Amino acid sequence: MTPEMARQRYAIALSRFSQVTIRRYYGAGSPRAHYEKICRGRELQYQPNEIVGPILQGDWKIILLAEDLESGAVSLPLLSTDKAIVRGKELTIAGIDDKTRRFGDVLVAYVLQVRG
């Protein structure tokens, strides 16, 4: 399987699930200005055997299509200060994994650990 094929398969699979918005705040004051990018993604609960180390009970895992972020207002790389919005709820990004879902040197999807 080539990286392009993997990206296409992820795009098709993730388009069946909800949209996730990545929000990056900048500046100071209230209300704070921000950039947003809507991405295809899927939210999952962590399995009991995955709740170890920095993963807390109640945290969620979001698989986020990388190509949606590459063409957006939020510049890469993702930062832990960015927020994920799922079904109107703003969640804190506690961890960013950009290594697990790579094919060769091509990033196909991010895996985010979110809480809130």
Protein backbone atom coordinates (compact mmCIF):
# COMPACT_ATOMS: atom_id res chain seq x y z
CA MET A 1 0.00 0.00 0.00
CA THR A 2 1.35 3.42 -0.93
CA PRO A 3 1.06 6.47 1.34
CA GLU A 4 -1.41 8.02 -1.13
CA MET A 5 -3.65 4.96 -0.94
CA ALA A 6 -3.49 5.01 2.86
CA ARG A 7 -4.51 8.69 2.88
CA GLN A 8 -7.44 7.96 0.56
CA ARG A 9 -8.64 5.09 2.74
CA TYR A 10 -8.40 7.17 5.90
CA ALA A 11 -10.26 10.03 4.20
CA ILE A 12 -13.12 7.72 3.19
CA ALA A 13 -13.28 6.04 6.60
CA LEU A 14 -13.14 9.25 8.64
CA SER A 15 -15.73 11.02 6.47
CA ARG A 16 -18.34 8.65 7.97
CA PHE A 17 -17.86 10.10 11.45
CA SER A 18 -18.27 13.50 13.06
CA GLN A 19 -16.32 16.62 12.23
CA VAL A 20 -13.74 17.94 14.65
CA THR A 21 -12.76 21.59 14.74
CA ILE A 22 -9.24 22.56 15.77
CA ARG A 23 -9.09 26.03 17.31
CA ARG A 24 -5.94 28.06 17.95
CA TYR A 25 -6.25 31.19 20.08
CA TYR A 26 -3.90 34.11 19.66
CA GLY A 27 -3.45 37.47 21.30
CA ALA A 28 -4.81 38.53 24.65
CA GLY A 29 -7.99 40.00 26.01
CA SER A 30 -11.56 38.89 26.04
CA PRO A 31 -12.94 37.62 23.77
CA ARG A 32 -9.74 36.19 22.33
CA ALA A 33 -9.36 35.99 18.59
CA HIS A 34 -8.80 32.55 17.10
CA TYR A 35 -8.30 30.55 13.93
CA GLU A 36 -10.36 27.43 13.25
CA LYS A 37 -10.13 24.50 10.89
CA ILE A 38 -12.83 21.84 10.45
CA CYS A 39 -11.39 18.36 9.95
CA ARG A 40 -12.65 14.86 9.42
CA GLY A 41 -12.14 12.83 12.55
CA ARG A 42 -13.40 10.19 14.89
CA GLU A 43 -13.61 10.23 18.65
CA LEU A 44 -13.06 7.08 20.66
CA GLN A 45 -13.00 6.18 24.34
CA TYR A 46 -9.81 4.72 25.69
CA GLN A 47 -10.06 1.05 26.58
CA PRO A 48 -9.47 0.20 30.27
CA ASN A 49 -6.10 -1.38 29.44
CA GLU A 50 -4.98 1.87 27.73
CA ILE A 51 -5.49 4.02 30.84
CA VAL A 52 -1.89 4.17 32.01
CA GLY A 53 0.72 6.89 32.39
CA PRO A 54 -0.57 10.32 31.36
CA ILE A 55 -3.95 8.98 30.14
CA LEU A 56 -6.66 9.66 32.72
CA GLN A 57 -10.07 8.12 33.13
CA GLY A 58 -12.47 10.29 31.12
CA ASP A 59 -9.92 11.20 28.43
CA TRP A 60 -10.88 10.63 24.81
CA LYS A 61 -8.87 9.72 21.74
CA ILE A 62 -9.49 11.60 18.47
CA ILE A 63 -8.17 10.31 15.15
CA LEU A 64 -7.82 13.37 12.92
CA LEU A 65 -7.12 13.36 9.18
CA ALA A 66 -3.78 15.11 8.62
CA GLU A 67 -4.52 16.34 5.09
CA ASP A 68 -7.43 18.45 6.39
CA LEU A 69 -5.05 20.36 8.66
CA GLU A 70 -2.38 20.81 6.01
CA SER A 71 -4.59 23.16 4.01
CA GLY A 72 -6.07 25.19 6.83
CA ALA A 73 -5.84 28.37 8.84
CA VAL A 74 -4.21 26.54 11.77
CA SER A 75 -0.52 26.23 11.00
CA LEU A 76 1.29 22.99 11.71
CA PRO A 77 2.54 21.50 13.91
CA LEU A 78 -0.38 21.12 16.27
CA LEU A 79 0.31 22.53 19.72
CA SER A 80 -0.84 21.42 23.14
CA THR A 81 -2.35 24.90 23.55
CA ASP A 82 -4.73 24.26 20.63
CA LYS A 83 -8.28 23.12 21.39
CA ALA A 84 -10.46 20.43 19.82
CA ILE A 85 -14.18 21.11 19.47
CA VAL A 86 -16.46 18.09 19.20
CA ARG A 87 -20.24 18.56 19.02
CA GLY A 88 -19.91 22.10 20.37
CA LYS A 89 -17.76 21.19 23.37
CA GLU A 90 -14.26 22.65 23.62
CA LEU A 91 -11.72 20.06 24.76
CA THR A 92 -8.13 20.49 25.89
CA ILE A 93 -5.48 18.65 23.89
CA ALA A 94 -3.42 16.71 26.43
CA GLY A 95 -1.31 14.74 23.95
CA ILE A 96 -0.45 14.74 20.25
CA ASP A 97 0.75 11.60 18.48
CA ASP A 98 2.02 12.24 14.96
CA LYS A 99 4.06 9.04 14.70
CA THR A 100 1.64 6.11 15.00
CA ARG A 101 -0.33 6.66 11.81
CA ARG A 102 2.46 7.30 9.31
CA PHE A 103 3.20 5.38 6.15
CA GLY A 104 6.86 5.89 5.45
CA ASP A 105 7.51 9.58 5.91
CA VAL A 106 3.90 10.57 5.13
CA LEU A 107 1.65 11.54 8.03
CA VAL A 108 -1.84 10.16 7.42
CA ALA A 109 -3.60 10.95 10.71
CA TYR A 110 -2.99 12.47 14.11
CA VAL A 111 -4.07 10.75 17.30
CA LEU A 112 -5.03 13.33 19.92
CA GLN A 113 -5.57 12.70 23.61
CA VAL A 114 -8.23 15.17 24.76
CA ARG A 115 -9.95 15.94 28.03
CA GLY A 116 -12.65 18.22 29.24
